[in-house]
């Protein structure tokens, strides 16, 4: 809104809601998991934990 006072009120409402809901505090986080099998070959890892090169893997 172009109205300064109304915009201040809207920002206040947004920031109060964020503070009351504690959205900045994570309740959980995920851990990277791995499972091993001697029959699976070609397992490598990339610098990013989110990129897994499945195309290099094969079963022996």
Protein backbone atom coordinates (compact mmCIF):
# COMPACT_ATOMS: atom_id res chain seq x y z
CA UNK A 1 0.00 0.00 0.00
CA UNK A 2 1.27 3.53 -0.68
CA UNK A 3 -0.15 4.77 2.64
CA UNK A 4 2.77 4.92 5.13
CA UNK A 5 0.70 4.39 8.27
CA UNK A 6 -1.21 1.46 6.83
CA UNK A 7 2.05 -0.09 5.58
CA UNK A 8 3.58 0.28 9.08
CA UNK A 9 0.57 -1.48 10.59
CA UNK A 10 0.78 -4.31 8.05
CA UNK A 11 4.51 -4.79 8.69
CA UNK A 12 3.87 -4.77 12.42
CA UNK A 13 1.21 -7.45 12.01
CA UNK A 14 3.56 -9.59 9.90
CA UNK A 15 6.48 -9.26 12.33
CA UNK A 16 4.30 -9.92 15.36
CA UNK A 17 2.93 -13.08 13.73
CA UNK A 18 6.46 -14.27 12.91
CA UNK A 19 7.60 -13.62 16.49
CA UNK A 20 4.56 -15.30 18.06
CA UNK A 21 4.76 -18.37 15.83
CA UNK A 22 8.53 -18.75 16.40
CA UNK A 23 9.07 -19.63 12.76
CA UNK A 24 12.81 -19.04 13.08
CA UNK A 25 13.36 -21.96 15.45
CA UNK A 26 13.74 -25.26 13.58
CA UNK A 27 12.10 -28.16 15.38
CA UNK A 28 13.89 -30.89 13.43
CA UNK A 29 16.60 -31.32 10.87
CA UNK A 30 17.48 -34.17 8.59
CA UNK A 31 20.68 -36.17 8.58
CA UNK A 32 22.22 -37.84 5.58
CA UNK A 33 21.90 -41.61 5.75
CA UNK A 34 23.75 -44.33 3.89
CA UNK A 35 23.26 -48.09 3.58
CA UNK A 36 26.03 -50.46 2.50
CA UNK A 37 25.87 -53.60 0.39
CA UNK A 38 28.96 -55.43 -0.87
CA UNK A 39 27.05 -56.26 -4.06
CA UNK A 40 26.58 -52.60 -5.05
CA UNK A 41 29.60 -51.32 -6.99
CA UNK A 42 30.59 -47.93 -8.39
CA UNK A 43 29.41 -45.96 -5.37
CA UNK A 44 30.92 -42.46 -5.34
CA UNK A 45 29.95 -39.19 -3.76
CA UNK A 46 29.72 -35.68 -5.16
CA UNK A 47 30.64 -32.50 -3.27
CA UNK A 48 26.93 -31.85 -2.68
CA UNK A 49 25.05 -34.30 -0.48
CA UNK A 50 21.97 -33.74 -2.65
CA UNK A 51 23.54 -35.02 -5.87
CA UNK A 52 23.97 -38.79 -5.85
CA UNK A 53 25.47 -40.27 -9.05
CA UNK A 54 23.16 -43.29 -9.38
CA UNK A 55 24.18 -43.67 -13.04
CA UNK A 56 27.66 -44.86 -11.93
CA UNK A 57 26.30 -47.58 -9.64
CA UNK A 58 25.70 -51.20 -10.63
CA UNK A 59 24.99 -54.53 -8.95
CA UNK A 60 27.71 -57.18 -8.98
